[in-house]
C-alpha atoms as a PDB file:
ATOM      1  CA  MET A   1     -71.514 252.884  85.747  1.00  0.00           C
ATOM      2  CA  GLU A   2     -71.091 249.120  85.355  1.00  0.00           C
ATOM      3  CA  ILE A   3     -67.734 247.859  84.135  1.00  0.00           C
ATOM      4  CA  LYS A   4     -68.009 244.958  81.685  1.00  0.00           C
ATOM      5  CA  LYS A   5     -64.926 245.289  79.493  1.00  0.00           C
ATOM      6  CA  VAL A   6     -61.464 246.225  80.792  1.00  0.00           C
ATOM      7  CA  GLY A   7     -58.571 247.552  78.737  1.00  0.00           C
ATOM      8  CA  VAL A   8     -54.980 247.295  79.961  1.00  0.00           C
ATOM      9  CA  LEU A   9     -52.238 249.283  78.239  1.00  0.00           C
ATOM     10  CA  GLY A  10     -48.748 247.920  78.773  1.00  0.00           C
ATOM     11  CA  ALA A  11     -48.179 244.147  78.866  1.00  0.00           C
ATOM     12  CA  GLY A  12     -45.137 244.025  81.120  1.00  0.00           C
ATOM     13  CA  ILE A  13     -45.130 242.381  84.539  1.00  0.00           C
ATOM     14  CA  MET A  14     -47.711 244.761  86.002  1.00  0.00           C
ATOM     15  CA  GLY A  15     -49.958 244.979  82.961  1.00  0.00           C
ATOM     16  CA  ALA A  16     -50.038 241.206  82.472  1.00  0.00           C
ATOM     17  CA  GLY A  17     -50.867 240.767  86.155  1.00  0.00           C
ATOM     18  CA  ILE A  18     -53.689 243.310  85.973  1.00  0.00           C
ATOM     19  CA  ALA A  19     -55.063 241.565  82.883  1.00  0.00           C
ATOM     20  CA  GLN A  20     -54.890 238.212  84.688  1.00  0.00           C
ATOM     21  CA  VAL A  21     -56.890 239.287  87.748  1.00  0.00           C
ATOM     22  CA  SER A  22     -59.381 241.127  85.520  1.00  0.00           C
ATOM     23  CA  VAL A  23     -60.057 238.045  83.378  1.00  0.00           C
ATOM     24  CA  GLN A  24     -60.296 235.816  86.444  1.00  0.00           C
ATOM     25  CA  ALA A  25     -62.856 238.234  87.931  1.00  0.00           C
ATOM     26  CA  GLY A  26     -65.113 237.629  84.948  1.00  0.00           C
ATOM     27  CA  TYR A  27     -64.357 240.638  82.749  1.00  0.00           C
ATOM     28  CA  SER A  28     -63.644 240.702  79.047  1.00  0.00           C
ATOM     29  CA  VAL A  29     -60.106 242.084  78.752  1.00  0.00           C
ATOM     30  CA  VAL A  30     -58.104 243.783  76.024  1.00  0.00           C
ATOM     31  CA  LEU A  31     -54.355 243.749  76.783  1.00  0.00           C
ATOM     32  CA  ILE A  32     -52.316 245.958  74.450  1.00  0.00           C
ATOM     33  CA  ASP A  33     -48.597 246.642  74.123  1.00  0.00           C
ATOM     34  CA  VAL A  34     -47.008 248.462  71.192  1.00  0.00           C
ATOM     35  CA  VAL A  35     -44.114 245.987  71.243  1.00  0.00           C
ATOM     36  CA  PRO A  36     -45.282 242.687  69.695  1.00  0.00           C
ATOM     37  CA  GLU A  37     -42.716 240.621  71.600  1.00  0.00           C
ATOM     38  CA  ILE A  38     -43.967 241.953  74.944  1.00  0.00           C
ATOM     39  CA  ALA A  39     -47.608 241.327  74.020  1.00  0.00           C
ATOM     40  CA  ASN A  40     -46.782 237.758  72.949  1.00  0.00           C
ATOM     41  CA  LYS A  41     -44.743 237.124  76.074  1.00  0.00           C
ATOM     42  CA  ALA A  42     -47.654 238.327  78.237  1.00  0.00           C
ATOM     43  CA  ARG A  43     -50.038 235.850  76.592  1.00  0.00           C
ATOM     44  CA  LYS A  44     -47.537 233.028  77.189  1.00  0.00           C
ATOM     45  CA  THR A  45     -47.019 234.126  80.802  1.00  0.00           C
ATOM     46  CA  LEU A  46     -50.747 234.084  81.492  1.00  0.00           C
ATOM     47  CA  ASN A  47     -51.210 230.680  79.853  1.00  0.00           C
ATOM     48  CA  LYS A  48     -48.323 229.335  81.905  1.00  0.00           C
ATOM     49  CA  ALA A  49     -49.905 230.670  85.117  1.00  0.00           C
ATOM     50  CA  TRP A  50     -53.260 229.134  84.240  1.00  0.00           C
ATOM     51  CA  ALA A  51     -51.669 225.813  83.276  1.00  0.00           C
ATOM     52  CA  LYS A  52     -49.965 225.722  86.664  1.00  0.00           C
ATOM     53  CA  ALA A  53     -53.260 226.517  88.418  1.00  0.00           C
ATOM     54  CA  LEU A  54     -54.951 223.750  86.414  1.00  0.00           C
ATOM     55  CA  GLU A  55     -52.249 221.290  87.391  1.00  0.00           C
ATOM     56  CA  LYS A  56     -52.802 222.138  91.073  1.00  0.00           C
ATOM     57  CA  GLY A  57     -56.570 221.777  90.736  1.00  0.00           C
ATOM     58  CA  LYS A  58     -57.261 225.444  91.452  1.00  0.00           C
ATOM     59  CA  VAL A  59     -59.100 225.931  88.138  1.00  0.00           C
ATOM     60  CA  SER A  60     -60.751 223.633  85.610  1.00  0.00           C
ATOM     61  CA  ALA A  61     -59.954 223.203  81.932  1.00  0.00           C
ATOM     62  CA  GLU A  62     -63.254 224.953  81.237  1.00  0.00           C
ATOM     63  CA  ASN A  63     -62.105 227.926  83.334  1.00  0.00           C
ATOM     64  CA  VAL A  64     -58.868 228.212  81.354  1.00  0.00           C
ATOM     65  CA  ALA A  65     -60.713 228.014  78.043  1.00  0.00           C
ATOM     66  CA  ASP A  66     -63.089 230.719  79.251  1.00  0.00           C
ATOM     67  CA  TYR A  67     -60.203 232.955  80.346  1.00  0.00           C
ATOM     68  CA  ASN A  68     -58.586 232.711  76.934  1.00  0.00           C
ATOM     69  CA  ALA A  69     -61.898 233.344  75.174  1.00  0.00           C
ATOM     70  CA  ARG A  70     -62.352 236.609  77.082  1.00  0.00           C
ATOM     71  CA  LEU A  71     -58.777 237.855  76.581  1.00  0.00           C
ATOM     72  CA  ILE A  72     -57.618 239.805  73.542  1.00  0.00           C
ATOM     73  CA  CYS A  73     -53.873 240.359  73.503  1.00  0.00           C
ATOM     74  CA  GLY A  74     -52.308 242.467  70.776  1.00  0.00           C
ATOM     75  CA  THR A  75     -50.670 245.713  69.635  1.00  0.00           C
ATOM     76  CA  ASP A  76     -53.550 247.783  68.222  1.00  0.00           C
ATOM     77  CA  ILE A  77     -54.645 250.552  70.594  1.00  0.00           C
ATOM     78  CA  ASN A  78     -57.853 250.921  68.583  1.00  0.00           C
ATOM     79  CA  GLU A  79     -59.085 247.788  70.378  1.00  0.00           C
ATOM     80  CA  PHE A  80     -59.829 250.140  73.316  1.00  0.00           C
ATOM     81  CA  ARG A  81     -62.658 251.912  71.472  1.00  0.00           C
ATOM     82  CA  ASP A  82     -65.427 250.028  73.293  1.00  0.00           C
ATOM     83  CA  VAL A  83     -63.903 249.304  76.704  1.00  0.00           C
ATOM     84  CA  ASP A  84     -65.400 250.725  79.908  1.00  0.00           C
ATOM     85  CA  ILE A  85     -62.070 251.432  81.582  1.00  0.00           C
ATOM     86  CA  VAL A  86     -58.442 251.543  80.461  1.00  0.00           C
ATOM     87  CA  ILE A  87     -55.841 250.787  83.125  1.00  0.00           C
ATOM     88  CA  GLU A  88     -52.525 252.207  81.897  1.00  0.00           C
ATOM     89  CA  ALA A  89     -49.416 250.384  83.105  1.00  0.00           C
ATOM     90  CA  ILE A  90     -46.604 251.844  81.002  1.00  0.00           C
ATOM     91  CA  VAL A  91     -43.212 253.263  81.960  1.00  0.00           C
ATOM     92  CA  GLU A  92     -43.171 255.587  85.003  1.00  0.00           C
ATOM     93  CA  ASN A  93     -42.635 258.803  83.050  1.00  0.00           C
ATOM     94  CA  ILE A  94     -45.064 261.715  83.378  1.00  0.00           C
ATOM     95  CA  ASP A  95     -44.606 262.964  79.808  1.00  0.00           C
ATOM     96  CA  PHE A  96     -45.248 259.522  78.314  1.00  0.00           C
ATOM     97  CA  LYS A  97     -48.283 259.040  80.516  1.00  0.00           C
ATOM     98  CA  LYS A  98     -49.755 262.438  79.586  1.00  0.00           C
ATOM     99  CA  LYS A  99     -49.273 261.730  75.891  1.00  0.00           C
ATOM    100  CA  VAL A 100     -50.884 258.301  76.142  1.00  0.00           C
ATOM    101  CA  HIS A 101     -53.843 259.489  78.225  1.00  0.00           C
ATOM    102  CA  LYS A 102     -54.496 262.317  75.793  1.00  0.00           C
ATOM    103  CA  GLN A 103     -54.585 259.743  72.998  1.00  0.00           C
ATOM    104  CA  LEU A 104     -56.860 257.446  75.006  1.00  0.00           C
ATOM    105  CA  GLY A 105     -59.249 260.313  75.762  1.00  0.00           C
ATOM    106  CA  GLU A 106     -59.618 261.007  72.057  1.00  0.00           C
ATOM    107  CA  LEU A 107     -60.019 257.317  71.185  1.00  0.00           C
ATOM    108  CA  CYS A 108     -62.300 255.873  73.849  1.00  0.00           C
ATOM    109  CA  LYS A 109     -66.045 256.374  74.236  1.00  0.00           C
ATOM    110  CA  ALA A 110     -67.119 259.375  76.337  1.00  0.00           C
ATOM    111  CA  GLU A 111     -67.984 257.402  79.480  1.00  0.00           C
ATOM    112  CA  THR A 112     -64.759 255.356  79.591  1.00  0.00           C
ATOM    113  CA  ILE A 113     -62.718 255.762  82.783  1.00  0.00           C
ATOM    114  CA  LEU A 114     -58.959 256.242  82.401  1.00  0.00           C
ATOM    115  CA  ALA A 115     -56.897 254.832  85.272  1.00  0.00           C
ATOM    116  CA  THR A 116     -53.140 255.027  85.685  1.00  0.00           C
ATOM    117  CA  ASN A 117     -51.118 252.450  87.604  1.00  0.00           C
ATOM    118  CA  THR A 118     -48.527 255.085  88.525  1.00  0.00           C
ATOM    119  CA  SER A 119     -46.772 254.451  91.823  1.00  0.00           C
ATOM    120  CA  ALA A 120     -46.169 258.107  92.655  1.00  0.00           C
ATOM    121  CA  LEU A 121     -46.888 260.644  89.871  1.00  0.00           C
ATOM    122  CA  SER A 122     -49.513 263.401  89.820  1.00  0.00           C
ATOM    123  CA  ILE A 123     -52.973 262.154  88.848  1.00  0.00           C
ATOM    124  CA  THR A 124     -54.169 265.717  88.293  1.00  0.00           C
ATOM    125  CA  GLU A 125     -51.341 266.502  85.863  1.00  0.00           C
ATOM    126  CA  ILE A 126     -52.082 263.355  83.859  1.00  0.00           C
ATOM    127  CA  ALA A 127     -55.824 264.089  83.907  1.00  0.00           C
ATOM    128  CA  ALA A 128     -55.290 267.657  82.668  1.00  0.00           C
ATOM    129  CA  ALA A 129     -53.833 266.270  79.435  1.00  0.00           C
ATOM    130  CA  THR A 130     -57.151 264.549  78.613  1.00  0.00           C
ATOM    131  CA  ASN A 131     -60.632 265.621  77.545  1.00  0.00           C
ATOM    132  CA  ARG A 132     -62.165 263.957  80.633  1.00  0.00           C
ATOM    133  CA  SER A 133     -60.344 265.024  83.812  1.00  0.00           C
ATOM    134  CA  ASP A 134     -63.348 264.001  85.911  1.00  0.00           C
ATOM    135  CA  LYS A 135     -62.949 260.382  84.778  1.00  0.00           C
ATOM    136  CA  VAL A 136     -59.205 260.010  85.396  1.00  0.00           C
ATOM    137  CA  LEU A 137     -57.711 258.589  88.584  1.00  0.00           C
ATOM    138  CA  GLY A 138     -54.924 256.434  89.977  1.00  0.00           C
ATOM    139  CA  MET A 139     -55.401 252.690  90.395  1.00  0.00           C
ATOM    140  CA  HIS A 140     -52.123 251.524  91.869  1.00  0.00           C
ATOM    141  CA  PHE A 141     -51.594 247.754  92.012  1.00  0.00           C
ATOM    142  CA  PHE A 142     -48.667 246.048  93.718  1.00  0.00           C
ATOM    143  CA  ASN A 143     -46.258 243.428  92.396  1.00  0.00           C
ATOM    144  CA  PRO A 144     -46.952 240.525  91.976  1.00  0.00           C
ATOM    145  CA  VAL A 145     -50.483 241.603  91.076  1.00  0.00           C
ATOM    146  CA  PRO A 146     -52.157 238.174  91.355  1.00  0.00           C
ATOM    147  CA  VAL A 147     -50.829 237.813  94.911  1.00  0.00           C
ATOM    148  CA  MET A 148     -50.811 241.294  96.459  1.00  0.00           C
ATOM    149  CA  LYS A 149     -54.217 242.293  97.829  1.00  0.00           C
ATOM    150  CA  LEU A 150     -53.806 246.071  98.017  1.00  0.00           C
ATOM    151  CA  VAL A 151     -54.936 248.597  95.409  1.00  0.00           C
ATOM    152  CA  GLU A 152     -54.535 252.310  96.107  1.00  0.00           C
ATOM    153  CA  VAL A 153     -57.321 254.369  94.515  1.00  0.00           C
ATOM    154  CA  ILE A 154     -56.278 258.000  94.069  1.00  0.00           C
ATOM    155  CA  PRO A 155     -58.696 260.626  92.683  1.00  0.00           C
ATOM    156  CA  GLY A 156     -57.282 263.735  91.045  1.00  0.00           C
ATOM    157  CA  VAL A 157     -58.471 267.227  91.940  1.00  0.00           C
ATOM    158  CA  VAL A 158     -61.550 267.030  89.683  1.00  0.00           C
ATOM    159  CA  THR A 159     -62.208 263.260  89.684  1.00  0.00           C
ATOM    160  CA  THR A 160     -65.856 262.603  90.530  1.00  0.00           C
ATOM    161  CA  ASP A 161     -66.965 260.478  93.476  1.00  0.00           C
ATOM    162  CA  ASP A 162     -68.841 258.220  91.052  1.00  0.00           C
ATOM    163  CA  THR A 163     -65.618 257.489  89.165  1.00  0.00           C
ATOM    164  CA  ALA A 164     -63.766 256.662  92.376  1.00  0.00           C
ATOM    165  CA  GLN A 165     -66.558 254.421  93.661  1.00  0.00           C
ATOM    166  CA  THR A 166     -66.783 252.567  90.338  1.00  0.00           C
ATOM    167  CA  VAL A 167     -63.064 251.801  90.486  1.00  0.00           C
ATOM    168  CA  ILE A 168     -63.257 250.768  94.145  1.00  0.00           C
ATOM    169  CA  GLN A 169     -66.013 248.302  93.236  1.00  0.00           C
ATOM    170  CA  LEU A 170     -63.936 247.051  90.298  1.00  0.00           C
ATOM    171  CA  ALA A 171     -60.950 246.418  92.581  1.00  0.00           C
ATOM    172  CA  GLU A 172     -63.158 244.559  95.052  1.00  0.00           C
ATOM    173  CA  LYS A 173     -64.559 242.339  92.307  1.00  0.00           C
ATOM    174  CA  MET A 174     -60.956 241.531  91.337  1.00  0.00           C
ATOM    175  CA  GLY A 175     -60.517 240.230  94.889  1.00  0.00           C
ATOM    176  CA  LYS A 176     -58.471 243.216  96.018  1.00  0.00           C
ATOM    177  CA  GLU A 177     -58.629 245.409  99.133  1.00  0.00           C
ATOM    178  CA  PRO A 178     -58.806 249.008  97.891  1.00  0.00           C
ATOM    179  CA  VAL A 179     -57.795 252.003  99.988  1.00  0.00           C
ATOM    180  CA  LEU A 180     -58.721 255.550  99.051  1.00  0.00           C
ATOM    181  CA  ALA A 181     -55.879 258.087  99.211  1.00  0.00           C
ATOM    182  CA  LYS A 182     -55.668 261.809  98.532  1.00  0.00           C
ATOM    183  CA  GLU A 183     -53.283 262.815  95.787  1.00  0.00           C
ATOM    184  CA  SER A 184     -49.780 263.368  97.124  1.00  0.00           C
ATOM    185  CA  PRO A 185     -46.396 262.179  95.823  1.00  0.00           C
ATOM    186  CA  GLY A 186     -46.135 258.443  96.519  1.00  0.00           C
ATOM    187  CA  PHE A 187     -49.674 258.237  97.901  1.00  0.00           C
ATOM    188  CA  ILE A 188     -49.578 256.000 101.022  1.00  0.00           C
ATOM    189  CA  VAL A 189     -47.325 252.985 100.547  1.00  0.00           C
ATOM    190  CA  ASN A 190     -44.510 254.486  98.486  1.00  0.00           C
ATOM    191  CA  ARG A 191     -44.465 257.688 100.533  1.00  0.00           C
ATOM    192  CA  ILE A 192     -43.393 255.487 103.453  1.00  0.00           C
ATOM    193  CA  LEU A 193     -41.619 252.619 101.682  1.00  0.00           C
ATOM    194  CA  VAL A 194     -39.380 254.380  99.130  1.00  0.00           C
ATOM    195  CA  PRO A 195     -37.491 256.532 101.684  1.00  0.00           C
ATOM    196  CA  TYR A 196     -36.896 253.308 103.660  1.00  0.00           C
ATOM    197  CA  MET A 197     -35.338 251.615 100.604  1.00  0.00           C
ATOM    198  CA  ASN A 198     -33.390 254.791  99.803  1.00  0.00           C
ATOM    199  CA  GLU A 199     -31.848 254.911 103.284  1.00  0.00           C
ATOM    200  CA  ALA A 200     -30.898 251.239 103.023  1.00  0.00           C
ATOM    201  CA  ALA A 201     -29.158 252.042  99.718  1.00  0.00           C
ATOM    202  CA  ASN A 202     -27.280 254.861 101.467  1.00  0.00           C
ATOM    203  CA  VAL A 203     -26.100 252.440 104.168  1.00  0.00           C
ATOM    204  CA  PHE A 204     -24.901 250.116 101.393  1.00  0.00           C
ATOM    205  CA  TYR A 205     -23.177 252.946  99.487  1.00  0.00           C
ATOM    206  CA  GLU A 206     -21.370 254.163 102.617  1.00  0.00           C
ATOM    207  CA  GLY A 207     -19.970 250.662 103.150  1.00  0.00           C
ATOM    208  CA  ILE A 208     -21.583 250.237 106.540  1.00  0.00           C
ATOM    209  CA  ALA A 209     -22.817 246.756 105.615  1.00  0.00           C
ATOM    210  CA  SER A 210     -23.307 244.476 102.628  1.00  0.00           C
ATOM    211  CA  ALA A 211     -26.681 244.064 100.927  1.00  0.00           C
ATOM    212  CA  GLU A 212     -27.056 240.665 102.585  1.00  0.00           C
ATOM    213  CA  GLU A 213     -26.313 242.044 106.060  1.00  0.00           C
ATOM    214  CA  ILE A 214     -28.624 245.039 105.633  1.00  0.00           C
ATOM    215  CA  ASP A 215     -31.500 242.823 104.544  1.00  0.00           C
ATOM    216  CA  LYS A 216     -30.810 240.264 107.270  1.00  0.00           C
ATOM    217  CA  ALA A 217     -30.774 243.016 109.901  1.00  0.00           C
ATOM    218  CA  MET A 218     -34.124 244.457 108.783  1.00  0.00           C
ATOM    219  CA  LYS A 219     -35.772 241.040 108.571  1.00  0.00           C
ATOM    220  CA  LEU A 220     -34.568 239.807 111.944  1.00  0.00           C
ATOM    221  CA  GLY A 221     -34.444 243.135 113.781  1.00  0.00           C
ATOM    222  CA  ALA A 222     -37.566 244.830 112.434  1.00  0.00           C
ATOM    223  CA  GLY A 223     -39.664 241.837 111.446  1.00  0.00           C
ATOM    224  CA  MET A 224     -39.732 242.739 107.758  1.00  0.00           C
ATOM    225  CA  PRO A 225     -40.731 239.834 105.475  1.00  0.00           C
ATOM    226  CA  MET A 226     -38.212 240.995 102.852  1.00  0.00           C
ATOM    227  CA  GLY A 227     -35.125 243.150 103.143  1.00  0.00           C
ATOM    228  CA  PRO A 228     -35.173 246.667 101.614  1.00  0.00           C
ATOM    229  CA  LEU A 229     -32.516 245.994  98.969  1.00  0.00           C
ATOM    230  CA  ALA A 230     -34.066 242.701  97.847  1.00  0.00           C
ATOM    231  CA  LEU A 231     -37.327 244.626  97.633  1.00  0.00           C
ATOM    232  CA  ALA A 232     -35.687 247.326  95.483  1.00  0.00           C
ATOM    233  CA  ASP A 233     -34.429 244.557  93.174  1.00  0.00           C
ATOM    234  CA  MET A 234     -37.936 243.117  92.914  1.00  0.00           C
ATOM    235  CA  VAL A 235     -39.596 246.485  92.248  1.00  0.00           C
ATOM    236  CA  GLY A 236     -36.892 247.571  89.802  1.00  0.00           C
ATOM    237  CA  ILE A 237     -34.088 249.905  90.842  1.00  0.00           C
ATOM    238  CA  ASP A 238     -34.858 252.235  87.945  1.00  0.00           C
ATOM    239  CA  ILE A 239     -38.436 252.615  89.203  1.00  0.00           C
ATOM    240  CA  VAL A 240     -37.307 253.228  92.788  1.00  0.00           C
ATOM    241  CA  LEU A 241     -34.826 255.849  91.558  1.00  0.00           C
ATOM    242  CA  ALA A 242     -37.504 257.576  89.462  1.00  0.00           C
ATOM    243  CA  VAL A 243     -39.808 257.790  92.489  1.00  0.00           C
ATOM    244  CA  CYS A 244     -36.977 259.137  94.671  1.00  0.00           C
ATOM    245  CA  GLU A 245     -36.213 261.806  92.083  1.00  0.00           C
ATOM    246  CA  PHE A 246     -39.892 262.741  91.883  1.00  0.00           C
ATOM    247  CA  PHE A 247     -40.127 263.073  95.684  1.00  0.00           C
ATOM    248  CA  TYR A 248     -36.967 265.192  95.766  1.00  0.00           C
ATOM    249  CA  LYS A 249     -38.353 267.484  93.059  1.00  0.00           C
ATOM    250  CA  GLU A 250     -41.854 267.786  94.544  1.00  0.00           C
ATOM    251  CA  PHE A 251     -40.964 268.197  98.210  1.00  0.00           C
ATOM    252  CA  ALA A 252     -37.618 270.046  97.766  1.00  0.00           C
ATOM    253  CA  ASP A 253     -36.458 268.282 100.925  1.00  0.00           C
ATOM    254  CA  SER A 254     -32.975 266.748 101.209  1.00  0.00           C
ATOM    255  CA  LYS A 255     -34.353 263.733 103.069  1.00  0.00           C
ATOM    256  CA  TYR A 256     -35.671 262.493  99.707  1.00  0.00           C
ATOM    257  CA  ARG A 257     -32.353 262.902  97.844  1.00  0.00           C
ATOM    258  CA  PRO A 258     -31.808 259.684  95.807  1.00  0.00           C
ATOM    259  CA  SER A 259     -29.001 257.430  96.922  1.00  0.00           C
ATOM    260  CA  LEU A 260     -25.922 257.338  94.711  1.00  0.00           C
ATOM    261  CA  ALA A 261     -26.120 253.550  94.978  1.00  0.00           C
ATOM    262  CA  PHE A 262     -29.364 253.636  92.992  1.00  0.00           C
ATOM    263  CA  ARG A 263     -27.832 255.958  90.397  1.00  0.00           C
ATOM    264  CA  GLN A 264     -24.797 253.742  89.911  1.00  0.00           C
ATOM    265  CA  LYS A 265     -26.897 250.587  89.567  1.00  0.00           C
ATOM    266  CA  VAL A 266     -29.119 252.218  86.947  1.00  0.00           C
ATOM    267  CA  ARG A 267     -26.133 253.568  84.993  1.00  0.00           C
ATOM    268  CA  ALA A 268     -24.672 250.069  84.954  1.00  0.00           C
ATOM    269  CA  GLY A 269     -27.962 248.591  83.747  1.00  0.00           C
ATOM    270  CA  HIS A 270     -28.278 246.577  86.956  1.00  0.00           C
ATOM    271  CA  LEU A 271     -31.992 247.138  87.570  1.00  0.00           C
ATOM    272  CA  GLY A 272     -32.737 244.130  89.742  1.00  0.00           C
ATOM    273  CA  LYS A 273     -34.491 240.866  88.980  1.00  0.00           C
ATOM    274  CA  LYS A 274     -35.725 241.969  85.563  1.00  0.00           C
ATOM    275  CA  THR A 275     -32.155 242.358  84.269  1.00  0.00           C
ATOM    276  CA  GLY A 276     -30.667 239.504  86.288  1.00  0.00           C
ATOM    277  CA  LYS A 277     -28.549 241.742  88.485  1.00  0.00           C
ATOM    278  CA  GLY A 278     -29.106 244.511  91.027  1.00  0.00           C
ATOM    279  CA  PHE A 279     -27.996 244.482  94.639  1.00  0.00           C
ATOM    280  CA  TYR A 280     -28.065 240.706  94.173  1.00  0.00           C
ATOM    281  CA  ASN A 281     -27.087 238.484  91.253  1.00  0.00           C
ATOM    282  CA  TYR A 282     -29.972 236.475  89.731  1.00  0.00           C
ATOM    283  CA  MET A 283     -28.081 235.074  86.733  1.00  0.00           C
END
């Protein structure tokens, strides 16, 4: 199957980034968010990014005009009726994702692939809520999407090889480096990375060191480009907590028990960069 038109559901940071790389790869793109303010903000964010690229000579004015001509940004999910793939990038909640994918399965044409940008949840469970389990899979991008090269491609139990290969080719055309992973909580990157951030949060909660000292130690002592708590702030502490809770539930292993530091931050509304405060203050 050849992908010509891409739908992206959810116009937050991830969805806007996915729409950006899709448009720049030459696809017609429909970016939808049910919240008008978020959809409008995404359009402005993309135009700002392209204006900056134009200023630096990375793209031409003709390129920017072409990008805008191939991008539809709005709130009407019915715009997905003729797309070849929908990449869902909504909140990391299994019930919401199942509901949305069921709706997409009923709305989209029979051959449309449904991809979820989940960072950890069960592809098979999401697929089972649709009328096309063989055409549902994970397509996990990393933040910031225009910069990060990796895309994890995760088939569900009944996803066909053709579906997986089509999405791998799509990711490559977007300029990404796809890796194929079997379905398992967290897939590859988050299975390794989230417990690392969780343990750093435990060290912080126990008062062993400050956020600054923990991050400094991991950067200078382990060669990490970014400290684990700064990374949690960038990802979103609420998202990291949700993944920790999912791991703990799925594996029933105490090593995945979420740090109380994450719980306290979320209860306080300190979710990281997106709220202006997390382990660090961005105000």
